[in-house]
PDB file of all heavy atoms in Angstrom:
ATOM      1  N   THR A   1     -15.096  28.569 -19.236  1.00  0.00           N
ATOM      2  CA  THR A   1     -15.369  29.707 -20.168  1.00  0.00           C
ATOM      3  C   THR A   1     -16.546  30.593 -19.598  1.00  0.00           C
ATOM      4  O   THR A   1     -16.609  31.786 -20.041  1.00  0.00           O
ATOM      5  CB  THR A   1     -15.902  29.135 -21.531  1.00  0.00           C
ATOM      6  OG1 THR A   1     -16.987  28.190 -21.266  1.00  0.00           O
ATOM      7  CG2 THR A   1     -14.798  28.389 -22.278  1.00  0.00           C
ATOM      8  N   GLY A   2     -17.264  30.178 -18.642  1.00  0.00           N
ATOM      9  CA  GLY A   2     -18.291  30.898 -18.020  1.00  0.00           C
ATOM     10  C   GLY A   2     -17.765  31.794 -16.763  1.00  0.00           C
ATOM     11  O   GLY A   2     -18.509  32.649 -16.327  1.00  0.00           O
ATOM     12  N   ASP A   3     -16.442  31.405 -16.455  1.00  0.00           N
ATOM     13  CA  ASP A   3     -15.830  32.155 -15.346  1.00  0.00           C
ATOM     14  C   ASP A   3     -14.291  32.311 -15.675  1.00  0.00           C
ATOM     15  O   ASP A   3     -13.508  31.751 -14.985  1.00  0.00           O
ATOM     16  CB  ASP A   3     -16.034  31.425 -14.097  1.00  0.00           C
ATOM     17  CG  ASP A   3     -15.534  32.049 -12.869  1.00  0.00           C
ATOM     18  OD1 ASP A   3     -15.422  33.326 -12.885  1.00  0.00           O
ATOM     19  OD2 ASP A   3     -15.274  31.475 -11.880  1.00  0.00           O
ATOM     20  N   PRO A   4     -14.033  32.988 -16.775  1.00  0.00           N
ATOM     21  CA  PRO A   4     -12.598  33.004 -17.245  1.00  0.00           C
ATOM     22  C   PRO A   4     -11.522  33.745 -16.352  1.00  0.00           C
ATOM     23  O   PRO A   4     -10.387  33.481 -16.486  1.00  0.00           O
ATOM     24  CB  PRO A   4     -12.743  33.668 -18.555  1.00  0.00           C
ATOM     25  CG  PRO A   4     -13.887  34.628 -18.375  1.00  0.00           C
ATOM     26  CD  PRO A   4     -14.821  33.811 -17.617  1.00  0.00           C
ATOM     27  N   LYS A   5     -12.018  34.432 -15.394  1.00  0.00           N
ATOM     28  CA  LYS A   5     -11.033  35.196 -14.561  1.00  0.00           C
ATOM     29  C   LYS A   5     -10.513  34.405 -13.403  1.00  0.00           C
ATOM     30  O   LYS A   5      -9.500  34.599 -12.807  1.00  0.00           O
ATOM     31  CB  LYS A   5     -11.687  36.503 -14.007  1.00  0.00           C
ATOM     32  CG  LYS A   5     -12.017  37.587 -15.024  1.00  0.00           C
ATOM     33  CD  LYS A   5     -12.584  38.809 -14.407  1.00  0.00           C
ATOM     34  CE  LYS A   5     -12.901  39.808 -15.445  1.00  0.00           C
ATOM     35  NZ  LYS A   5     -13.446  41.017 -14.848  1.00  0.00           N
ATOM     36  N   ASN A   6     -11.231  33.322 -13.055  1.00  0.00           N
ATOM     37  CA  ASN A   6     -10.802  32.514 -11.887  1.00  0.00           C
ATOM     38  C   ASN A   6     -10.138  31.223 -12.275  1.00  0.00           C
ATOM     39  O   ASN A   6     -10.712  30.284 -12.998  1.00  0.00           O
ATOM     40  CB  ASN A   6     -12.036  32.132 -11.045  1.00  0.00           C
ATOM     41  CG  ASN A   6     -12.578  33.312 -10.309  1.00  0.00           C
ATOM     42  OD1 ASN A   6     -11.863  34.069  -9.747  1.00  0.00           O
ATOM     43  ND2 ASN A   6     -13.932  33.512 -10.312  1.00  0.00           N
ATOM     44  N   LEU A   7      -8.734  31.150 -12.179  1.00  0.00           N
ATOM     45  CA  LEU A   7      -8.098  29.973 -12.441  1.00  0.00           C
ATOM     46  C   LEU A   7      -8.129  28.915 -11.357  1.00  0.00           C
ATOM     47  O   LEU A   7      -8.175  29.170 -10.082  1.00  0.00           O
ATOM     48  CB  LEU A   7      -6.582  30.272 -12.647  1.00  0.00           C
ATOM     49  CG  LEU A   7      -6.148  30.897 -13.878  1.00  0.00           C
ATOM     50  CD1 LEU A   7      -4.610  31.271 -13.782  1.00  0.00           C
ATOM     51  CD2 LEU A   7      -6.461  30.180 -15.108  1.00  0.00           C
ATOM     52  N   GLU A   8      -8.322  27.620 -11.787  1.00  0.00           N
ATOM     53  CA  GLU A   8      -8.462  26.485 -10.839  1.00  0.00           C
ATOM     54  C   GLU A   8      -7.213  25.598 -11.215  1.00  0.00           C
ATOM     55  O   GLU A   8      -6.476  25.787 -12.141  1.00  0.00           O
ATOM     56  CB  GLU A   8      -9.682  25.737 -11.153  1.00  0.00           C
ATOM     57  CG  GLU A   8     -10.943  26.578 -11.056  1.00  0.00           C
ATOM     58  CD  GLU A   8     -11.381  26.906  -9.541  1.00  0.00           C
ATOM     59  OE1 GLU A   8     -10.861  26.187  -8.629  1.00  0.00           O
ATOM     60  OE2 GLU A   8     -12.084  27.892  -9.473  1.00  0.00           O
ATOM     61  N   ILE A   9      -6.893  24.659 -10.292  1.00  0.00           N
ATOM     62  CA  ILE A   9      -5.696  23.718 -10.473  1.00  0.00           C
ATOM     63  C   ILE A   9      -6.189  22.344 -10.399  1.00  0.00           C
ATOM     64  O   ILE A   9      -7.147  21.919  -9.736  1.00  0.00           O
ATOM     65  CB  ILE A   9      -4.608  24.052  -9.488  1.00  0.00           C
ATOM     66  CG1 ILE A   9      -5.120  23.850  -7.973  1.00  0.00           C
ATOM     67  CG2 ILE A   9      -4.055  25.414  -9.642  1.00  0.00           C
ATOM     68  CD1 ILE A   9      -3.882  23.933  -6.995  1.00  0.00           C
ATOM     69  N   LYS A  10      -5.386  21.490 -11.107  1.00  0.00           N
ATOM     70  CA  LYS A  10      -5.506  19.975 -11.039  1.00  0.00           C
ATOM     71  C   LYS A  10      -4.269  19.413 -11.001  1.00  0.00           C
ATOM     72  O   LYS A  10      -3.389  19.780 -11.789  1.00  0.00           O
ATOM     73  CB  LYS A  10      -6.436  19.526 -12.240  1.00  0.00           C
ATOM     74  CG  LYS A  10      -6.504  18.008 -12.416  1.00  0.00           C
ATOM     75  CD  LYS A  10      -7.243  17.757 -13.825  1.00  0.00           C
ATOM     76  CE  LYS A  10      -7.354  16.293 -14.021  1.00  0.00           C
ATOM     77  NZ  LYS A  10      -8.188  15.536 -13.008  1.00  0.00           N
ATOM     78  N   LYS A  11      -4.013  18.449 -10.172  1.00  0.00           N
ATOM     79  CA  LYS A  11      -2.629  17.831  -9.982  1.00  0.00           C
ATOM     80  C   LYS A  11      -2.593  16.480 -10.856  1.00  0.00           C
ATOM     81  O   LYS A  11      -3.435  15.653 -10.893  1.00  0.00           O
ATOM     82  CB  LYS A  11      -2.363  17.443  -8.526  1.00  0.00           C
ATOM     83  CG  LYS A  11      -2.461  18.608  -7.632  1.00  0.00           C
ATOM     84  CD  LYS A  11      -1.221  19.582  -7.752  1.00  0.00           C
ATOM     85  CE  LYS A  11      -1.231  20.633  -6.609  1.00  0.00           C
ATOM     86  NZ  LYS A  11      -0.045  21.511  -6.756  1.00  0.00           N
ATOM     87  N   ILE A  12      -1.483  16.414 -11.482  1.00  0.00           N
ATOM     88  CA  ILE A  12      -1.170  15.187 -12.313  1.00  0.00           C
ATOM     89  C   ILE A  12       0.257  14.730 -12.081  1.00  0.00           C
ATOM     90  O   ILE A  12       1.092  15.614 -11.700  1.00  0.00           O
ATOM     91  CB  ILE A  12      -1.473  15.239 -13.781  1.00  0.00           C
ATOM     92  CG1 ILE A  12      -0.765  16.483 -14.366  1.00  0.00           C
ATOM     93  CG2 ILE A  12      -3.063  15.422 -13.963  1.00  0.00           C
ATOM     94  CD1 ILE A  12      -0.877  16.484 -15.897  1.00  0.00           C
ATOM     95  N   GLN A  13       0.651  13.600 -12.509  1.00  0.00           N
ATOM     96  CA  GLN A  13       2.082  13.110 -12.372  1.00  0.00           C
ATOM     97  C   GLN A  13       2.521  12.660 -13.864  1.00  0.00           C
ATOM     98  O   GLN A  13       1.783  12.077 -14.520  1.00  0.00           O
ATOM     99  CB  GLN A  13       2.184  11.980 -11.452  1.00  0.00           C
ATOM    100  CG  GLN A  13       2.300  12.501 -10.063  1.00  0.00           C
ATOM    101  CD  GLN A  13       2.692  11.363  -9.129  1.00  0.00           C
ATOM    102  OE1 GLN A  13       2.420  10.172  -9.226  1.00  0.00           O
ATOM    103  NE2 GLN A  13       3.455  11.636  -8.018  1.00  0.00           N
ATOM    104  N   LEU A  14       3.782  12.835 -14.177  1.00  0.00           N
ATOM    105  CA  LEU A  14       4.316  12.412 -15.276  1.00  0.00           C
ATOM    106  C   LEU A  14       5.596  11.545 -14.917  1.00  0.00           C
ATOM    107  O   LEU A  14       6.529  12.102 -14.237  1.00  0.00           O
ATOM    108  CB  LEU A  14       4.768  13.515 -16.318  1.00  0.00           C
ATOM    109  CG  LEU A  14       5.568  13.070 -17.545  1.00  0.00           C
ATOM    110  CD1 LEU A  14       4.734  12.156 -18.368  1.00  0.00           C
ATOM    111  CD2 LEU A  14       6.137  14.305 -18.200  1.00  0.00           C
ATOM    112  N   PHE A  15       5.565  10.278 -15.358  1.00  0.00           N
ATOM    113  CA  PHE A  15       6.645   9.383 -15.120  1.00  0.00           C
ATOM    114  C   PHE A  15       7.561   9.334 -16.366  1.00  0.00           C
ATOM    115  O   PHE A  15       7.102   9.044 -17.458  1.00  0.00           O
ATOM    116  CB  PHE A  15       6.295   7.960 -14.789  1.00  0.00           C
ATOM    117  CG  PHE A  15       5.541   7.824 -13.507  1.00  0.00           C
ATOM    118  CD1 PHE A  15       4.191   8.077 -13.326  1.00  0.00           C
ATOM    119  CD2 PHE A  15       6.207   7.404 -12.351  1.00  0.00           C
ATOM    120  CE1 PHE A  15       3.501   7.949 -12.180  1.00  0.00           C
ATOM    121  CE2 PHE A  15       5.560   7.315 -11.145  1.00  0.00           C
ATOM    122  CZ  PHE A  15       4.264   7.516 -11.108  1.00  0.00           C
ATOM    123  N   VAL A  16       8.844   9.726 -16.173  1.00  0.00           N
ATOM    124  CA  VAL A  16       9.759   9.664 -17.404  1.00  0.00           C
ATOM    125  C   VAL A  16      10.793   8.568 -16.868  1.00  0.00           C
ATOM    126  O   VAL A  16      11.579   8.576 -16.011  1.00  0.00           O
ATOM    127  CB  VAL A  16      10.539  10.989 -17.462  1.00  0.00           C
ATOM    128  CG1 VAL A  16      11.555  10.859 -18.593  1.00  0.00           C
ATOM    129  CG2 VAL A  16       9.534  12.083 -17.811  1.00  0.00           C
ATOM    130  N   ASN A  17      10.693   7.467 -17.729  1.00  0.00           N
ATOM    131  CA  ASN A  17      11.609   6.314 -17.554  1.00  0.00           C
ATOM    132  C   ASN A  17      12.988   6.616 -18.099  1.00  0.00           C
ATOM    133  O   ASN A  17      13.197   7.371 -19.043  1.00  0.00           O
ATOM    134  CB  ASN A  17      11.045   5.099 -18.222  1.00  0.00           C
ATOM    135  CG  ASN A  17       9.741   4.689 -17.581  1.00  0.00           C
ATOM    136  OD1 ASN A  17       9.457   4.740 -16.431  1.00  0.00           O
ATOM    137  ND2 ASN A  17       8.778   4.292 -18.524  1.00  0.00           N
ATOM    138  N   ALA A  18      14.041   5.894 -17.698  1.00  0.00           N
ATOM    139  CA  ALA A  18      15.317   6.060 -18.086  1.00  0.00           C
ATOM    140  C   ALA A  18      15.333   5.436 -19.551  1.00  0.00           C
ATOM    141  O   ALA A  18      14.730   4.496 -19.877  1.00  0.00           O
ATOM    142  CB  ALA A  18      16.307   5.202 -17.280  1.00  0.00           C
ATOM    143  N   ASN A  19      16.103   6.189 -20.414  1.00  0.00           N
ATOM    144  CA  ASN A  19      16.234   5.663 -21.773  1.00  0.00           C
ATOM    145  C   ASN A  19      17.019   4.404 -21.692  1.00  0.00           C
ATOM    146  O   ASN A  19      18.160   4.281 -21.103  1.00  0.00           O
ATOM    147  CB  ASN A  19      16.961   6.721 -22.628  1.00  0.00           C
ATOM    148  CG  ASN A  19      16.968   6.453 -24.025  1.00  0.00           C
ATOM    149  OD1 ASN A  19      17.281   5.228 -24.489  1.00  0.00           O
ATOM    150  ND2 ASN A  19      16.822   7.410 -25.044  1.00  0.00           N
ATOM    151  N   PRO A  20      16.586   3.284 -22.357  1.00  0.00           N
ATOM    152  CA  PRO A  20      17.228   2.017 -22.241  1.00  0.00           C
ATOM    153  C   PRO A  20      18.695   2.212 -22.835  1.00  0.00           C
ATOM    154  O   PRO A  20      19.501   1.349 -22.367  1.00  0.00           O
ATOM    155  CB  PRO A  20      16.441   1.102 -23.120  1.00  0.00           C
ATOM    156  CG  PRO A  20      15.322   1.931 -23.803  1.00  0.00           C
ATOM    157  CD  PRO A  20      15.296   3.148 -23.000  1.00  0.00           C
ATOM    158  N   LYS A  21      18.877   3.141 -23.793  1.00  0.00           N
ATOM    159  CA  LYS A  21      20.286   3.249 -24.221  1.00  0.00           C
ATOM    160  C   LYS A  21      21.232   3.740 -23.220  1.00  0.00           C
ATOM    161  O   LYS A  21      22.398   3.246 -23.257  1.00  0.00           O
ATOM    162  CB  LYS A  21      20.194   4.349 -25.281  1.00  0.00           C
ATOM    163  CG  LYS A  21      19.504   4.036 -26.584  1.00  0.00           C
ATOM    164  CD  LYS A  21      19.625   5.215 -27.534  1.00  0.00           C
ATOM    165  CE  LYS A  21      18.838   5.032 -28.844  1.00  0.00           C
ATOM    166  NZ  LYS A  21      18.808   6.139 -29.724  1.00  0.00           N
ATOM    167  N   ASP A  22      20.709   4.385 -22.284  1.00  0.00           N
ATOM    168  CA  ASP A  22      21.555   4.912 -21.079  1.00  0.00           C
ATOM    169  C   ASP A  22      21.995   3.897 -20.137  1.00  0.00           C
ATOM    170  O   ASP A  22      22.926   4.102 -19.313  1.00  0.00           O
ATOM    171  CB  ASP A  22      20.921   6.107 -20.398  1.00  0.00           C
ATOM    172  CG  ASP A  22      20.682   7.223 -21.247  1.00  0.00           C
ATOM    173  OD1 ASP A  22      21.347   7.389 -22.268  1.00  0.00           O
ATOM    174  OD2 ASP A  22      19.781   8.150 -20.999  1.00  0.00           O
ATOM    175  N   LEU A  23      21.366   2.658 -20.104  1.00  0.00           N
ATOM    176  CA  LEU A  23      21.785   1.625 -19.306  1.00  0.00           C
ATOM    177  C   LEU A  23      22.852   0.818 -19.743  1.00  0.00           C
ATOM    178  O   LEU A  23      23.464  -0.084 -19.071  1.00  0.00           O
ATOM    179  CB  LEU A  23      20.516   0.720 -19.015  1.00  0.00           C
ATOM    180  CG  LEU A  23      19.205   1.503 -18.572  1.00  0.00           C
ATOM    181  CD1 LEU A  23      18.067   0.353 -18.527  1.00  0.00           C
ATOM    182  CD2 LEU A  23      19.459   2.042 -17.185  1.00  0.00           C
ATOM    183  N   TRP A  24      23.338   1.131 -21.012  1.00  0.00           N
ATOM    184  CA  TRP A  24      24.483   0.363 -21.555  1.00  0.00           C
ATOM    185  C   TRP A  24      25.654   1.359 -21.500  1.00  0.00           C
ATOM    186  O   TRP A  24      25.695   2.443 -21.848  1.00  0.00           O
ATOM    187  CB  TRP A  24      24.229   0.114 -23.040  1.00  0.00           C
ATOM    188  CG  TRP A  24      23.078  -0.981 -23.250  1.00  0.00           C
ATOM    189  CD1 TRP A  24      21.822  -0.812 -23.166  1.00  0.00           C
ATOM    190  CD2 TRP A  24      23.244  -2.358 -23.527  1.00  0.00           C
ATOM    191  NE1 TRP A  24      21.119  -1.941 -23.269  1.00  0.00           N
ATOM    192  CE2 TRP A  24      21.983  -2.943 -23.568  1.00  0.00           C
ATOM    193  CE3 TRP A  24      24.377  -3.136 -23.837  1.00  0.00           C
ATOM    194  CZ2 TRP A  24      21.787  -4.313 -23.873  1.00  0.00           C
ATOM    195  CZ3 TRP A  24      24.209  -4.447 -24.094  1.00  0.00           C
ATOM    196  CH2 TRP A  24      22.875  -4.961 -24.130  1.00  0.00           C
ATOM    197  N   LYS A  25      26.812   0.775 -21.078  1.00  0.00           N
ATOM    198  CA  LYS A  25      28.052   1.457 -21.126  1.00  0.00           C
ATOM    199  C   LYS A  25      28.548   1.524 -22.525  1.00  0.00           C
ATOM    200  O   LYS A  25      28.276   0.778 -23.460  1.00  0.00           O
ATOM    201  CB  LYS A  25      29.140   0.665 -20.338  1.00  0.00           C
ATOM    202  CG  LYS A  25      28.858   0.520 -18.820  1.00  0.00           C
ATOM    203  CD  LYS A  25      29.818  -0.313 -18.167  1.00  0.00           C
ATOM    204  CE  LYS A  25      29.502  -0.540 -16.675  1.00  0.00           C
ATOM    205  NZ  LYS A  25      30.547  -1.512 -16.025  1.00  0.00           N
ATOM    206  N   ASN A  26      29.445   2.570 -22.667  1.00  0.00           N
ATOM    207  CA  ASN A  26      30.012   2.807 -23.936  1.00  0.00           C
ATOM    208  C   ASN A  26      31.511   3.013 -23.913  1.00  0.00           C
ATOM    209  O   ASN A  26      32.013   4.068 -23.834  1.00  0.00           O
ATOM    210  CB  ASN A  26      29.458   4.053 -24.753  1.00  0.00           C
ATOM    211  CG  ASN A  26      29.864   4.207 -26.150  1.00  0.00           C
ATOM    212  OD1 ASN A  26      30.480   3.278 -26.810  1.00  0.00           O
ATOM    213  ND2 ASN A  26      29.665   5.290 -26.745  1.00  0.00           N
ATOM    214  N   ILE A  27      32.161   1.877 -23.565  1.00  0.00           N
ATOM    215  CA  ILE A  27      33.546   1.859 -23.309  1.00  0.00           C
ATOM    216  C   ILE A  27      34.305   1.868 -24.622  1.00  0.00           C
ATOM    217  O   ILE A  27      34.246   0.897 -25.474  1.00  0.00           O
ATOM    218  CB  ILE A  27      34.045   0.617 -22.505  1.00  0.00           C
ATOM    219  CG1 ILE A  27      33.116   0.599 -21.252  1.00  0.00           C
ATOM    220  CG2 ILE A  27      35.524   0.601 -22.227  1.00  0.00           C
ATOM    221  CD1 ILE A  27      33.247  -0.621 -20.458  1.00  0.00           C
ATOM    222  N   PRO A  28      35.358   2.734 -24.914  1.00  0.00           N
ATOM    223  CA  PRO A  28      36.105   2.818 -26.115  1.00  0.00           C
ATOM    224  C   PRO A  28      36.933   1.597 -26.301  1.00  0.00           C
ATOM    225  O   PRO A  28      37.461   0.986 -25.273  1.00  0.00           O
ATOM    226  CB  PRO A  28      36.896   4.085 -26.099  1.00  0.00           C
ATOM    227  CG  PRO A  28      36.297   4.938 -24.982  1.00  0.00           C
ATOM    228  CD  PRO A  28      35.511   3.913 -24.073  1.00  0.00           C
TER     229      PRO A  28
END
């Protein structure tokens, strides 16, 4: 807030796991 014109960056990671529902087949 004391230097609003200068943008800085910070790196992070997001892990998105597979939905457990998708691991099951749905055979008619």
